[in-house]
Protein backbone atom coordinates (compact mmCIF):
# COMPACT_ATOMS: atom_id res chain seq x y z
CA UNK A 1 128.15 50.85 102.14
CA UNK A 2 124.71 48.50 103.61
CA UNK A 3 123.94 51.65 105.60
CA UNK A 4 123.97 54.59 103.25
CA UNK A 5 120.62 55.44 101.44
CA UNK A 6 120.23 53.58 97.83
CA UNK A 7 121.01 56.98 95.67
CA UNK A 8 124.23 57.53 98.07
CA UNK A 9 125.36 53.95 97.12
CA UNK A 10 124.46 54.47 93.86
CA UNK A 11 126.59 57.47 93.43
CA UNK A 12 129.45 55.67 94.86
CA UNK A 13 129.46 53.09 92.78
CA UNK A 14 129.13 55.45 89.70
CA UNK A 15 132.27 57.51 90.89
CA UNK A 16 134.31 54.15 90.92
CA UNK A 17 133.36 53.30 87.53
CA UNK A 18 134.24 56.50 86.21
CA UNK A 19 137.08 57.00 87.73
CA UNK A 20 136.27 60.37 90.14
CA UNK A 21 138.17 59.35 93.09
CA UNK A 22 136.69 62.05 95.27
CA UNK A 23 132.61 62.56 95.92
CA UNK A 24 131.19 65.18 97.62
CA UNK A 25 127.66 64.24 99.37
CA UNK A 26 125.90 67.51 101.27
CA UNK A 27 124.76 65.43 103.86
CA UNK A 28 127.70 63.89 104.48
CA UNK A 29 129.91 66.17 104.02
CA UNK A 30 127.89 68.96 106.14
CA UNK A 31 127.96 68.63 109.92
CA UNK A 32 124.11 68.70 109.97
CA UNK A 33 123.81 69.85 113.42
CA UNK A 34 126.92 72.32 113.68
CA UNK A 35 125.37 75.69 112.73
CA UNK A 36 128.95 77.48 112.59
CA UNK A 37 129.89 74.03 109.97
CA UNK A 38 126.70 75.20 107.99
CA UNK A 39 126.98 78.35 107.48
CA UNK A 40 130.75 78.18 106.43
CA UNK A 41 129.95 75.66 103.80
CA UNK A 42 127.10 77.13 102.50
CA UNK A 43 129.04 79.65 101.54
CA UNK A 44 131.20 77.12 99.52
CA UNK A 45 129.13 75.71 97.25
CA UNK A 46 130.11 77.83 94.48
CA UNK A 47 133.26 76.65 94.87
CA UNK A 48 132.18 72.96 94.81
CA UNK A 49 129.49 72.23 92.46
CA UNK A 50 131.50 74.89 89.74
CA UNK A 51 134.47 72.19 90.25
CA UNK A 52 133.39 69.24 90.46
CA UNK A 53 134.26 67.22 87.62
CA UNK A 54 130.47 65.99 87.13
CA UNK A 55 127.34 66.09 89.29
CA UNK A 56 124.88 63.45 89.42
CA UNK A 57 121.05 64.19 89.93
CA UNK A 58 118.79 62.03 91.18
CA UNK A 59 115.67 64.04 89.60
CA UNK A 60 112.72 60.97 89.58
CA UNK A 61 114.05 60.35 92.64
CA UNK A 62 111.66 61.78 95.61
CA UNK A 63 114.24 60.33 98.36
CA UNK A 64 117.65 59.29 99.15
CA UNK A 65 116.28 55.69 99.19
CA UNK A 66 114.36 55.92 95.56
CA UNK A 67 118.12 55.52 93.92
CA UNK A 68 119.54 56.84 91.05
CA UNK A 69 118.36 54.43 88.71
CA UNK A 70 115.15 54.19 87.16
CA UNK A 71 113.15 51.88 85.32
CA UNK A 72 114.04 52.47 81.15
CA UNK A 73 111.15 53.45 79.20
CA UNK A 74 110.94 52.98 75.58
CA UNK A 75 107.30 54.47 74.83
CA UNK A 76 107.02 56.14 71.67
CA UNK A 77 104.04 57.86 70.21
CA UNK A 78 103.57 58.84 66.47
CA UNK A 79 104.74 62.11 65.06
CA UNK A 80 103.36 64.05 62.06
CA UNK A 81 106.02 65.03 59.62
CA UNK A 82 106.09 68.13 57.79
CA UNK A 83 107.88 67.62 54.15
CA UNK A 84 108.45 69.91 51.12
CA UNK A 85 110.11 69.38 48.12
CA UNK A 86 112.38 71.86 46.52
CA UNK A 87 112.22 72.03 42.84
CA UNK A 88 114.73 69.64 41.33
CA UNK A 89 117.46 70.69 39.22
CA UNK A 90 118.01 70.91 35.71
CA UNK A 91 118.86 67.08 35.07
CA UNK A 92 117.42 65.11 38.13
CA UNK A 93 113.75 64.90 37.41
CA UNK A 94 114.49 61.24 38.11
CA UNK A 95 116.25 61.09 41.25
CA UNK A 96 113.85 60.06 43.77
CA UNK A 97 112.95 61.88 47.21
CA UNK A 98 113.40 60.51 50.37
CA UNK A 99 111.80 60.60 53.81
CA UNK A 100 113.41 59.26 56.76
CA UNK A 101 111.39 59.57 60.19
CA UNK A 102 110.71 57.68 63.52
CA UNK A 103 108.72 57.48 66.63
CA UNK A 104 109.26 59.81 69.20
CA UNK A 105 110.52 58.99 72.28
CA UNK A 106 108.45 59.86 75.31
CA UNK A 107 110.24 62.09 77.44
CA UNK A 108 109.79 60.74 81.46
CA UNK A 109 105.96 61.90 83.26
CA UNK A 110 104.66 63.17 79.60
CA UNK A 111 102.24 61.03 78.17
CA UNK A 112 101.00 62.41 74.87
CA UNK A 113 102.64 63.53 71.58
CA UNK A 114 101.42 67.24 72.08
CA UNK A 115 103.63 67.63 75.38
CA UNK A 116 106.58 66.26 73.90
CA UNK A 117 109.19 68.81 73.15
CA UNK A 118 106.59 71.68 74.33
CA UNK A 119 108.01 75.04 73.90
CA UNK A 120 108.35 75.87 77.77
CA UNK A 121 111.52 77.60 78.24
CA UNK A 122 112.49 74.87 80.70
CA UNK A 123 113.96 71.34 79.83
CA UNK A 124 112.25 67.75 80.88
CA UNK A 125 113.94 67.25 83.91
CA UNK A 126 112.57 70.80 85.56
CA UNK A 127 109.61 68.22 86.27
CA UNK A 128 110.65 65.72 88.13
CA UNK A 129 110.69 65.85 92.06
CA UNK A 130 113.98 66.87 92.66
CA UNK A 131 113.29 70.10 91.17
CA UNK A 132 110.83 71.09 93.58
CA UNK A 133 113.37 71.74 96.53
CA UNK A 134 115.12 75.34 96.62
CA UNK A 135 118.62 73.71 97.31
CA UNK A 136 119.10 71.92 94.32
CA UNK A 137 118.33 75.49 92.17
CA UNK A 138 121.93 76.75 92.70
CA UNK A 139 123.37 72.93 92.54
CA UNK A 140 121.86 73.18 89.40
CA UNK A 141 123.05 76.24 87.91
CA UNK A 142 126.59 75.89 89.18
CA UNK A 143 127.22 72.80 87.93
CA UNK A 144 129.82 72.18 84.87
CA UNK A 145 128.29 68.86 83.99
CA UNK A 146 125.05 67.32 85.11
CA UNK A 147 123.79 63.81 84.54
CA UNK A 148 120.28 63.93 85.22
CA UNK A 149 118.38 60.67 86.06
CA UNK A 150 115.08 60.93 85.15
CA UNK A 151 112.16 59.04 84.68
CA UNK A 152 113.04 56.54 81.98
CA UNK A 153 116.14 57.78 80.52
CA UNK A 154 119.45 59.90 81.62
CA UNK A 155 120.17 63.25 80.28
CA UNK A 156 123.30 65.26 79.83
CA UNK A 157 123.71 69.06 80.26
CA UNK A 158 127.23 70.84 80.18
CA UNK A 159 128.16 74.45 79.13
CA UNK A 160 128.60 73.03 75.42
CA UNK A 161 126.12 71.18 74.69
CA UNK A 162 122.38 68.98 76.23
CA UNK A 163 121.35 65.99 75.20
CA UNK A 164 118.86 63.12 76.01
CA UNK A 165 118.27 59.25 74.96
CA UNK A 166 115.99 60.54 72.38
CA UNK A 167 118.65 62.88 70.59
CA UNK A 168 115.86 65.67 70.08
CA UNK A 169 118.25 68.43 71.19
CA UNK A 170 115.47 71.42 70.25
CA UNK A 171 114.27 70.94 73.48
CA UNK A 172 117.13 71.34 75.68
CA UNK A 173 118.89 74.11 74.37
CA UNK A 174 115.94 76.75 75.49
CA UNK A 175 117.50 77.09 78.95
CA UNK A 176 119.87 80.07 79.32
CA UNK A 177 123.56 78.99 80.59
CA UNK A 178 124.19 80.39 83.96
CA UNK A 179 127.32 81.10 83.11
CA UNK A 180 126.08 83.01 79.77
CA UNK A 181 123.85 85.10 82.01
CA UNK A 182 126.79 86.39 84.15
CA UNK A 183 127.92 87.71 80.99
CA UNK A 184 124.93 89.30 79.63
CA UNK A 185 124.73 93.28 79.37
CA UNK A 186 124.88 95.46 82.42
CA UNK A 187 120.59 96.38 81.45
CA UNK A 188 119.57 93.18 81.91
CA UNK A 189 121.91 92.16 85.37
CA UNK A 190 118.80 93.33 87.06
CA UNK A 191 116.31 90.87 85.24
CA UNK A 192 118.49 87.63 85.82
CA UNK A 193 119.05 88.49 89.35
CA UNK A 194 115.25 88.42 89.93
CA UNK A 195 114.70 85.54 87.87
CA UNK A 196 117.31 83.78 90.15
CA UNK A 197 115.12 84.96 93.14
CA UNK A 198 111.26 84.27 91.96
CA UNK A 199 112.41 80.78 90.53
CA UNK A 200 114.14 79.98 93.95
CA UNK A 201 110.95 81.53 96.07
CA UNK A 202 108.97 79.04 94.66
CA UNK A 203 110.28 76.03 95.01
CA UNK A 204 109.99 74.31 98.45
CA UNK A 205 111.94 74.97 101.81
CA UNK A 206 112.27 72.18 104.65
CA UNK A 207 113.28 75.15 106.88
CA UNK A 208 111.54 78.48 105.32
CA UNK A 209 114.89 80.54 106.66
CA UNK A 210 117.08 78.87 104.33
CA UNK A 211 116.16 81.09 101.16
CA UNK A 212 119.79 83.50 101.72
CA UNK A 213 121.32 80.28 102.46
CA UNK A 214 120.33 78.23 99.06
CA UNK A 215 121.05 81.44 97.37
CA UNK A 216 124.27 82.25 99.03
CA UNK A 217 126.32 80.19 95.90
CA UNK A 218 124.76 81.88 93.33
CA UNK A 219 124.97 85.31 94.75
CA UNK A 220 129.05 84.28 95.31
CA UNK A 221 129.45 83.39 91.47
CA UNK A 222 127.82 87.01 90.81
CA UNK A 223 129.59 88.80 93.02
CA UNK A 224 132.66 87.61 90.71
CA UNK A 225 131.21 88.32 88.03
CA UNK A 226 129.35 91.52 87.80
CA UNK A 227 129.61 93.23 91.45
CA UNK A 228 132.76 93.46 91.96
CA UNK A 229 132.89 96.29 94.08
CA UNK A 230 129.57 95.99 95.35
CA UNK A 231 127.88 95.40 98.69
CA UNK A 232 125.46 92.37 99.00
CA UNK A 233 122.74 92.74 101.79
CA UNK A 234 120.15 90.05 102.34
CA UNK A 235 119.75 89.40 98.57
CA UNK A 236 119.81 92.23 97.52
CA UNK A 237 122.71 94.67 95.77
CA UNK A 238 123.40 97.84 97.37
CA UNK A 239 124.07 99.55 93.84
CA UNK A 240 120.24 98.33 93.14
CA UNK A 241 118.61 100.65 95.88
CA UNK A 242 116.07 101.44 95.83
CA UNK A 243 114.45 100.00 93.01
CA UNK A 244 114.96 96.12 94.51
CA UNK A 245 112.95 97.15 97.15
CA UNK A 246 109.90 96.86 94.17
CA UNK A 247 109.16 93.47 95.16
CA UNK A 248 106.06 91.69 96.10
CA UNK A 249 104.28 88.69 97.26
CA UNK A 250 103.38 86.88 93.51
CA UNK A 251 103.13 84.15 91.43
CA UNK A 252 102.31 80.49 92.70
CA UNK A 253 104.76 77.60 95.05
CA UNK A 254 103.50 75.31 92.58
CA UNK A 255 105.54 73.51 90.30
CA UNK A 256 108.47 75.35 88.72
CA UNK A 257 107.99 74.28 85.04
CA UNK A 258 104.50 75.94 85.17
CA UNK A 259 104.86 79.86 84.74
CA UNK A 260 102.47 82.07 86.64
CA UNK A 261 104.91 84.53 87.90
CA UNK A 262 102.26 87.57 88.19
CA UNK A 263 99.44 86.28 90.10
CA UNK A 264 99.25 87.76 94.21
CA UNK A 265 96.89 84.71 95.55
CA UNK A 266 99.45 82.83 97.31
CA UNK A 267 100.05 82.46 100.84
CA UNK A 268 102.54 84.67 102.41
CA UNK A 269 103.64 85.07 105.59
CA UNK A 270 106.77 86.68 107.35
CA UNK A 271 109.47 84.36 108.94
CA UNK A 272 109.23 82.97 112.90
CA UNK A 273 112.70 84.36 113.24
CA UNK A 274 114.83 86.97 112.41
CA UNK A 275 116.76 86.86 108.74
CA UNK A 276 116.18 89.87 107.13
CA UNK A 277 114.90 92.92 107.44
CA UNK A 278 111.22 93.62 106.48
CA UNK A 279 112.08 95.68 103.26
CA UNK A 280 114.35 92.56 102.49
CA UNK A 281 112.07 89.93 100.20
CA UNK A 282 114.19 87.08 102.37
CA UNK A 283 111.85 88.29 105.35
CA UNK A 284 108.28 86.94 103.74
CA UNK A 285 107.98 83.49 103.77
CA UNK A 286 106.72 82.59 99.85
CA UNK A 287 106.53 83.23 96.43
CA UNK A 288 108.36 86.51 95.70
CA UNK A 289 107.54 88.99 92.47
CA UNK A 290 109.38 91.76 91.10
CA UNK A 291 108.56 94.48 89.45
CA UNK A 292 110.97 95.05 86.83
CA UNK A 293 111.14 99.05 85.90
CA UNK A 294 113.92 100.58 84.15
CA UNK A 295 115.46 103.94 85.64
CA UNK A 296 118.93 104.04 83.28
CA UNK A 297 121.23 106.56 83.52
CA UNK A 298 120.55 109.90 81.67
CA UNK A 299 122.53 109.37 78.64
CA UNK A 300 120.48 105.81 78.10
CA UNK A 301 117.53 107.03 79.12
CA UNK A 302 117.20 109.90 76.07
CA UNK A 303 117.72 107.52 73.10
CA UNK A 304 114.27 106.23 74.15
CA UNK A 305 111.34 107.80 72.69
CA UNK A 306 108.04 105.62 74.79
CA UNK A 307 106.89 107.35 77.70
CA UNK A 308 107.06 104.36 79.59
CA UNK A 309 110.79 104.23 79.56
CA UNK A 310 111.34 107.61 81.06
CA UNK A 311 110.74 105.63 84.64
CA UNK A 312 112.69 107.94 87.25
CA UNK A 313 113.52 106.93 91.14
CA UNK A 314 111.58 109.57 93.25
CA UNK A 315 113.54 109.10 96.63
CA UNK A 316 117.19 108.95 98.13
CA UNK A 317 118.82 106.31 99.93
CA UNK A 318 121.01 107.88 102.57
CA UNK A 319 122.44 104.89 103.94
CA UNK A 320 122.44 101.53 104.39
CA UNK A 321 123.13 99.90 107.65
CA UNK A 322 123.56 96.14 108.56
CA UNK A 323 125.03 93.74 111.15
CA UNK A 324 125.89 89.84 109.53
CA UNK A 325 124.58 86.84 111.97
CA UNK A 326 127.14 85.01 110.90
CA UNK A 327 130.74 85.55 109.08
CA UNK A 328 128.90 84.70 105.87
CA UNK A 329 128.65 87.97 104.18
CA UNK A 330 125.79 86.24 101.83
CA UNK A 331 124.07 84.72 104.77
CA UNK A 332 121.40 86.06 107.34
CA UNK A 333 121.35 89.60 109.11
CA UNK A 334 121.18 89.90 112.85
CA UNK A 335 119.68 93.65 112.14
CA UNK A 336 119.35 95.86 109.19
CA UNK A 337 118.00 99.25 108.58
CA UNK A 338 117.66 101.71 105.27
CA UNK A 339 117.32 105.61 105.57
CA UNK A 340 115.62 107.16 102.71
CA UNK A 341 114.37 110.67 102.47
CA UNK A 342 111.23 111.06 99.68
CA UNK A 343 107.39 111.99 99.16
CA UNK A 344 105.43 110.63 101.46
CA UNK A 345 101.31 110.19 101.70
CA UNK A 346 99.30 108.63 104.07
CA UNK A 347 96.34 106.52 102.72
CA UNK A 348 93.48 105.91 104.86
CA UNK A 349 90.98 102.82 104.21
CA UNK A 350 93.55 100.83 101.92
CA UNK A 351 92.55 96.81 101.30
CA UNK A 352 94.24 94.52 99.71
CA UNK A 353 91.93 93.85 96.96
CA UNK A 354 91.74 95.13 93.57
CA UNK A 355 92.41 98.31 92.29
CA UNK A 356 90.61 101.07 94.80
CA UNK A 357 89.82 104.51 93.90
CA UNK A 358 90.63 107.64 96.90
CA UNK A 359 89.69 111.36 96.56
CA UNK A 360 91.05 114.34 98.34
CA UNK A 361 93.05 117.85 97.74
CA UNK A 362 95.80 115.66 96.07
CA UNK A 363 93.35 114.95 93.14
CA UNK A 364 92.16 111.36 92.29
CA UNK A 365 93.98 108.50 93.09
CA UNK A 366 93.82 104.59 92.13
CA UNK A 367 95.80 102.50 94.45
CA UNK A 368 96.54 98.93 94.12
CA UNK A 369 97.58 97.73 97.73
CA UNK A 370 99.39 94.31 98.07
CA UNK A 371 99.96 93.33 101.26
CA UNK A 372 103.66 91.00 102.21
CA UNK A 373 101.30 88.76 104.91
CA UNK A 374 98.25 87.26 103.71
CA UNK A 375 96.58 83.82 103.41
CA UNK A 376 93.70 82.26 101.35
CA UNK A 377 90.15 83.03 102.32
CA UNK A 378 91.70 85.93 104.48
CA UNK A 379 88.99 88.89 105.65
CA UNK A 380 90.29 92.38 103.35
CA UNK A 381 90.18 94.97 106.59
CA UNK A 382 91.22 98.30 106.11
CA UNK A 383 94.57 100.10 107.02
CA UNK A 384 96.10 103.40 107.45
CA UNK A 385 99.29 102.86 105.57
CA UNK A 386 102.40 105.43 104.75
CA UNK A 387 103.16 104.90 101.24
CA UNK A 388 106.57 106.02 100.18
CA UNK A 389 107.09 106.27 96.21
CA UNK A 390 110.38 104.25 95.15
CA UNK A 391 109.56 105.52 91.39
CA UNK A 392 107.32 107.04 89.23
CA UNK A 393 106.81 108.11 85.53
CA UNK A 394 104.32 110.64 83.98
CA UNK A 395 102.37 110.43 80.98
CA UNK A 396 98.99 111.77 79.13
CA UNK A 397 95.32 110.32 79.31
CA UNK A 398 92.79 111.61 76.66
CA UNK A 399 89.07 111.31 77.00
CA UNK A 400 87.69 112.51 73.53
CA UNK A 401 84.01 112.96 72.92
CA UNK A 402 82.31 113.45 70.00
CA UNK A 403 79.84 115.83 71.62
CA UNK A 404 81.63 117.17 74.23
CA UNK A 405 85.01 118.83 74.76
CA UNK A 406 88.00 116.72 75.35
CA UNK A 407 89.33 115.44 78.89
CA UNK A 408 92.91 115.82 79.27
CA UNK A 409 94.60 114.32 82.07
CA UNK A 410 98.10 113.87 83.79
CA UNK A 411 98.31 110.75 85.12
CA UNK A 412 101.76 109.71 87.34
CA UNK A 413 102.26 105.81 87.75
CA UNK A 414 104.02 105.39 90.58
CA UNK A 415 105.54 102.29 92.86
CA UNK A 416 106.50 101.97 96.21
CA UNK A 417 106.07 100.81 99.75
CA UNK A 418 103.42 100.53 102.50
CA UNK A 419 104.83 101.43 105.75
CA UNK A 420 103.40 100.81 109.30
CA UNK A 421 104.91 103.12 112.14
CA UNK A 422 106.94 100.73 114.37
CA UNK A 423 106.15 100.59 118.22
CA UNK A 424 108.37 103.27 120.06
CA UNK A 425 110.34 104.54 117.37
CA UNK A 426 110.14 107.95 115.72
CA UNK A 427 110.52 108.20 112.03
CA UNK A 428 110.67 104.33 112.24
CA UNK A 429 108.32 102.02 110.39
CA UNK A 430 108.23 98.27 109.15
CA UNK A 431 107.32 97.26 105.26
CA UNK A 432 104.25 95.50 105.44
CA UNK A 433 103.37 95.41 101.52
CA UNK A 434 103.22 96.76 98.03
CA UNK A 435 101.40 99.77 96.51
CA UNK A 436 101.25 100.77 93.06
CA UNK A 437 99.87 104.43 93.06
CA UNK A 438 98.01 106.60 89.96
CA UNK A 439 97.86 110.09 90.88
CA UNK A 440 95.25 111.37 88.24
CA UNK A 441 94.82 115.28 87.71
CA UNK A 442 92.30 117.00 85.00
CA UNK A 443 94.69 119.62 82.49
CA UNK A 444 93.30 122.08 80.01
CA UNK A 445 96.92 121.27 77.99
CA UNK A 446 99.18 118.62 79.27
CA UNK A 447 101.84 118.67 76.14
CA UNK A 448 101.14 120.87 73.27
CA UNK A 449 103.05 118.15 71.35
CA UNK A 450 102.17 114.28 71.11
CA UNK A 451 105.37 113.66 69.99
CA UNK A 452 107.45 116.12 72.27
CA UNK A 453 110.44 114.23 73.30
CA UNK A 454 110.93 116.21 76.76
CA UNK A 455 108.51 114.47 79.36
CA UNK A 456 107.99 116.24 82.86
CA UNK A 457 109.84 114.53 85.70
CA UNK A 458 107.40 112.20 88.21
CA UNK A 459 109.22 113.66 91.14
CA UNK A 460 108.36 117.77 90.23
CA UNK A 461 104.79 116.95 89.15
CA UNK A 462 104.00 114.85 92.34
CA UNK A 463 105.72 117.80 94.63
CA UNK A 464 103.90 120.92 92.92
CA UNK A 465 100.76 119.50 91.62
CA UNK A 466 99.95 116.90 94.47
CA UNK A 467 102.05 118.45 96.92
CA UNK A 468 103.30 115.17 98.41
CA UNK A 469 105.41 116.03 101.46
CA UNK A 470 109.35 114.62 101.80
CA UNK A 471 110.18 113.25 104.48
CA UNK A 472 113.76 111.13 105.85
CA UNK A 473 112.44 107.61 107.00
CA UNK A 474 113.69 104.62 108.51
CA UNK A 475 112.81 101.48 107.72
CA UNK A 476 113.64 98.42 109.79
């Protein structure tokens, strides 16, 4: 016991005091220098944390030597009280009215009343050092019951309730429970899955190649709940292809309590060693963001009127092949490829900047290129890329002038992949980035009736009016 870090010895003493005979500590129960044991145990994290009686979360401890227990804080600040006196019922005119109040308990690292219980969709413990680490995300989601040892107090979190020493629970109920998310409808499964990935990718990792193992427990739980007959491939579900290919670098690698998912000014690079093909998000080191587009089945799509709900997949996945690097189906790959048949367009001089305009025989194009690999201060150099649209939707954009005839434009908005030819392999490419391309074509009449429900399909317009050639490509 004397040789153990303080946090470990605290956990042992607390387990004994609670009458819990067994204790799991990752760094003690997994052989750290044994890759096979590490891969095997990483696959079991869903069972370990999902079946544990209680999880101790040393949120405020920057290292194992800091211990579970932190100095108790009793800082309290004044709070404004809003009071509305209802009309007294007849006969109760003389009945006095009372207001009972107390000062607000200041959570952990907060220092002002304005920040106490602020509506951030995040409980107080996410501002602690432990939650800067990627590995703790799945431990946090999978656990049935957690005691959070945060700065100045203890917090309780389980599947039925949450609580803290200040006894004001509203701040805690904003967090969606993991097992509630597992029961959501099929329409938002893709959104929830990418919430997991985006949150994980914004946290720090000692070893950047750990992104898939750090997600393995969540993937196993999702597979058992949503994806009984689905195939998991390097952070993607086969049934979600090709839509799930629409990830890009994004967000900020900073504190998880701050929300800035959409930004692109963040460092990103490829993995130093192979863990996934270039079209899979784990091949990139850094935060990723998914451009969610809803491509509903036809019977659902027809019930929506907005043109933006008429987003169609404009390519076809012909084959996906891969080889696992170990026996863990939720781990790294040794190799992988995807074969897609779709329209393509060679774009010359693409730069990783704000929207640029291109003109050609296809009409006027607005292009937004987001490179997968990027460093702050990196010069934007023009590059020729092959564009493979994945999804598209069609809408009209009118320009009305008081003294000139109106200009009617048909616009096809597309999102897809920027590809570069692989050396020495015909029709084989690697992904180098994400592209959003708007195709503009001036028309005398686009749709006769603005309220008309039937809209042109993006795929038809791209083939007929913009004459994009169709080809089959392999992406590795």
